[in-house]
Amino acid sequence: MLGKFGIYITILILVFLFYLVIALGAGGFSKKEKRPEVKKYLRSVNILLIFIIIVATILMLFL
C-alpha cells in the first residue's frame, strides 16, 4: 500500500496532469493571443488547483 507520501505524490501528479489537459483544451499553450475569458478561466483553474494542493498538504502533515 502507498503511505501518506506516496498518496501525496500521486495527488500532485494528478493535479499537474489535470492542469495540462485543461490548459491544452483552452488553448493555454497556443502562440496566438488569448481571449480575456480564457485568461480568466485559466486563472480560476490555477486557483482551484492550488487550493487542492494546499488541502492535500495539510491533510498529509496533520493526519
N, C-alpha and C. Protein backbone atom coordinates (compact mmCIF):
# COMPACT_ATOMS: atom_id res chain seq x y z
N MET A 1 0.84 -1.18 0.00
CA MET A 1 0.00 0.00 0.00
C MET A 1 0.89 1.24 0.00
N LEU A 2 0.33 2.29 -0.52
CA LEU A 2 1.04 3.57 -0.51
C LEU A 2 0.91 4.23 0.85
N GLY A 3 1.99 4.84 1.27
CA GLY A 3 1.94 5.61 2.51
C GLY A 3 1.41 7.00 2.23
N LYS A 4 1.48 7.84 3.24
CA LYS A 4 1.00 9.22 3.08
C LYS A 4 1.77 9.96 2.00
N PHE A 5 3.08 9.77 1.98
CA PHE A 5 3.89 10.48 0.99
C PHE A 5 3.59 10.00 -0.43
N GLY A 6 3.36 8.73 -0.61
CA GLY A 6 3.02 8.20 -1.93
C GLY A 6 1.69 8.73 -2.43
N ILE A 7 0.74 8.82 -1.54
CA ILE A 7 -0.57 9.36 -1.92
C ILE A 7 -0.44 10.84 -2.27
N TYR A 8 0.39 11.56 -1.51
CA TYR A 8 0.61 12.98 -1.78
C TYR A 8 1.25 13.18 -3.15
N ILE A 9 2.24 12.39 -3.48
CA ILE A 9 2.89 12.48 -4.79
C ILE A 9 1.89 12.15 -5.90
N THR A 10 1.05 11.15 -5.67
CA THR A 10 0.02 10.79 -6.65
C THR A 10 -0.94 11.95 -6.88
N ILE A 11 -1.35 12.62 -5.81
CA ILE A 11 -2.25 13.77 -5.93
C ILE A 11 -1.58 14.88 -6.72
N LEU A 12 -0.29 15.16 -6.43
CA LEU A 12 0.42 16.20 -7.17
C LEU A 12 0.53 15.87 -8.65
N ILE A 13 0.80 14.63 -8.98
CA ILE A 13 0.89 14.23 -10.39
C ILE A 13 -0.46 14.38 -11.07
N LEU A 14 -1.53 13.95 -10.40
CA LEU A 14 -2.86 14.08 -10.99
C LEU A 14 -3.27 15.54 -11.18
N VAL A 15 -2.92 16.40 -10.24
CA VAL A 15 -3.22 17.83 -10.36
C VAL A 15 -2.45 18.42 -11.55
N PHE A 16 -1.19 18.05 -11.69
CA PHE A 16 -0.39 18.54 -12.81
C PHE A 16 -0.96 18.06 -14.15
N LEU A 17 -1.35 16.79 -14.24
CA LEU A 17 -1.95 16.28 -15.47
C LEU A 17 -3.28 16.96 -15.76
N PHE A 18 -4.07 17.20 -14.73
CA PHE A 18 -5.33 17.90 -14.89
C PHE A 18 -5.10 19.30 -15.45
N TYR A 19 -4.08 19.99 -14.91
CA TYR A 19 -3.76 21.32 -15.41
C TYR A 19 -3.35 21.28 -16.88
N LEU A 20 -2.52 20.31 -17.26
CA LEU A 20 -2.09 20.21 -18.65
C LEU A 20 -3.27 19.98 -19.59
N VAL A 21 -4.17 19.09 -19.20
CA VAL A 21 -5.34 18.80 -20.05
C VAL A 21 -6.23 20.02 -20.18
N ILE A 22 -6.49 20.72 -19.09
CA ILE A 22 -7.35 21.90 -19.13
C ILE A 22 -6.68 23.01 -19.95
N ALA A 23 -5.38 23.23 -19.73
CA ALA A 23 -4.68 24.29 -20.45
C ALA A 23 -4.61 23.98 -21.95
N LEU A 24 -4.37 22.74 -22.32
CA LEU A 24 -4.34 22.38 -23.73
C LEU A 24 -5.72 22.55 -24.37
N GLY A 25 -6.75 22.15 -23.65
CA GLY A 25 -8.11 22.27 -24.16
C GLY A 25 -8.55 23.72 -24.32
N ALA A 26 -8.07 24.59 -23.45
CA ALA A 26 -8.46 26.01 -23.50
C ALA A 26 -7.54 26.81 -24.41
N GLY A 27 -6.52 26.17 -24.95
CA GLY A 27 -5.59 26.90 -25.81
C GLY A 27 -4.58 27.70 -25.03
N GLY A 28 -4.25 27.26 -23.85
CA GLY A 28 -3.33 27.98 -23.00
C GLY A 28 -1.90 28.00 -23.50
N PHE A 29 -1.53 27.02 -24.33
CA PHE A 29 -0.17 26.94 -24.83
C PHE A 29 -0.04 27.39 -26.27
N SER A 30 -1.12 27.94 -26.84
CA SER A 30 -1.06 28.38 -28.24
C SER A 30 -0.32 29.71 -28.33
N LYS A 31 0.22 29.97 -29.50
CA LYS A 31 1.02 31.18 -29.68
C LYS A 31 0.17 32.42 -29.95
N LYS A 32 -1.06 32.23 -30.38
CA LYS A 32 -1.90 33.40 -30.65
C LYS A 32 -2.43 34.00 -29.34
N GLU A 33 -2.90 35.22 -29.43
CA GLU A 33 -3.39 35.97 -28.27
C GLU A 33 -4.62 35.28 -27.67
N LYS A 34 -4.63 35.16 -26.35
CA LYS A 34 -5.75 34.53 -25.66
C LYS A 34 -6.85 35.55 -25.40
N ARG A 35 -8.06 35.09 -25.48
CA ARG A 35 -9.19 35.96 -25.15
C ARG A 35 -9.25 36.17 -23.65
N PRO A 36 -9.85 37.28 -23.21
CA PRO A 36 -9.93 37.55 -21.76
C PRO A 36 -10.71 36.47 -21.00
N GLU A 37 -11.70 35.87 -21.65
CA GLU A 37 -12.48 34.82 -20.98
C GLU A 37 -11.60 33.61 -20.69
N VAL A 38 -10.73 33.28 -21.63
CA VAL A 38 -9.84 32.13 -21.46
C VAL A 38 -8.83 32.41 -20.36
N LYS A 39 -8.30 33.63 -20.32
CA LYS A 39 -7.35 34.00 -19.27
C LYS A 39 -8.01 33.90 -17.90
N LYS A 40 -9.25 34.39 -17.80
CA LYS A 40 -9.97 34.34 -16.53
C LYS A 40 -10.25 32.90 -16.13
N TYR A 41 -10.61 32.06 -17.11
CA TYR A 41 -10.88 30.65 -16.85
C TYR A 41 -9.63 29.94 -16.36
N LEU A 42 -8.49 30.15 -17.02
CA LEU A 42 -7.25 29.50 -16.61
C LEU A 42 -6.78 29.98 -15.24
N ARG A 43 -7.00 31.26 -14.93
CA ARG A 43 -6.65 31.77 -13.61
C ARG A 43 -7.51 31.10 -12.54
N SER A 44 -8.80 30.91 -12.83
CA SER A 44 -9.68 30.24 -11.88
C SER A 44 -9.27 28.78 -11.67
N VAL A 45 -8.88 28.13 -12.75
CA VAL A 45 -8.41 26.74 -12.64
C VAL A 45 -7.14 26.69 -11.80
N ASN A 46 -6.23 27.63 -12.01
CA ASN A 46 -5.00 27.67 -11.20
C ASN A 46 -5.31 27.84 -9.73
N ILE A 47 -6.24 28.72 -9.40
CA ILE A 47 -6.62 28.94 -8.00
C ILE A 47 -7.20 27.67 -7.41
N LEU A 48 -8.06 26.99 -8.15
CA LEU A 48 -8.66 25.74 -7.68
C LEU A 48 -7.59 24.68 -7.44
N LEU A 49 -6.65 24.54 -8.36
CA LEU A 49 -5.62 23.52 -8.22
C LEU A 49 -4.67 23.84 -7.07
N ILE A 50 -4.36 25.11 -6.87
CA ILE A 50 -3.53 25.49 -5.72
C ILE A 50 -4.25 25.18 -4.42
N PHE A 51 -5.55 25.43 -4.38
CA PHE A 51 -6.34 25.11 -3.20
C PHE A 51 -6.31 23.60 -2.92
N ILE A 52 -6.43 22.79 -3.96
CA ILE A 52 -6.39 21.33 -3.80
C ILE A 52 -5.03 20.90 -3.26
N ILE A 53 -3.95 21.49 -3.77
CA ILE A 53 -2.61 21.14 -3.29
C ILE A 53 -2.43 21.55 -1.83
N ILE A 54 -2.94 22.72 -1.45
CA ILE A 54 -2.82 23.17 -0.06
C ILE A 54 -3.59 22.24 0.88
N VAL A 55 -4.80 21.85 0.49
CA VAL A 55 -5.60 20.95 1.32
C VAL A 55 -4.90 19.59 1.44
N ALA A 56 -4.36 19.08 0.33
CA ALA A 56 -3.65 17.80 0.37
C ALA A 56 -2.43 17.88 1.27
N THR A 57 -1.72 19.00 1.23
CA THR A 57 -0.55 19.17 2.09
C THR A 57 -0.94 19.19 3.56
N ILE A 58 -1.99 19.92 3.88
CA ILE A 58 -2.45 19.98 5.27
C ILE A 58 -2.88 18.61 5.75
N LEU A 59 -3.61 17.88 4.92
CA LEU A 59 -4.07 16.55 5.32
C LEU A 59 -2.89 15.61 5.50
N MET A 60 -1.90 15.71 4.62
CA MET A 60 -0.74 14.81 4.75
C MET A 60 0.06 15.11 6.02
N LEU A 61 0.20 16.38 6.36
CA LEU A 61 1.01 16.74 7.51
C LEU A 61 0.34 16.46 8.85
N PHE A 62 -0.97 16.57 8.91
CA PHE A 62 -1.65 16.50 10.20
C PHE A 62 -2.48 15.24 10.41
N LEU A 63 -2.57 14.37 9.42
CA LEU A 63 -3.34 13.12 9.64
C LEU A 63 -2.42 11.93 9.63
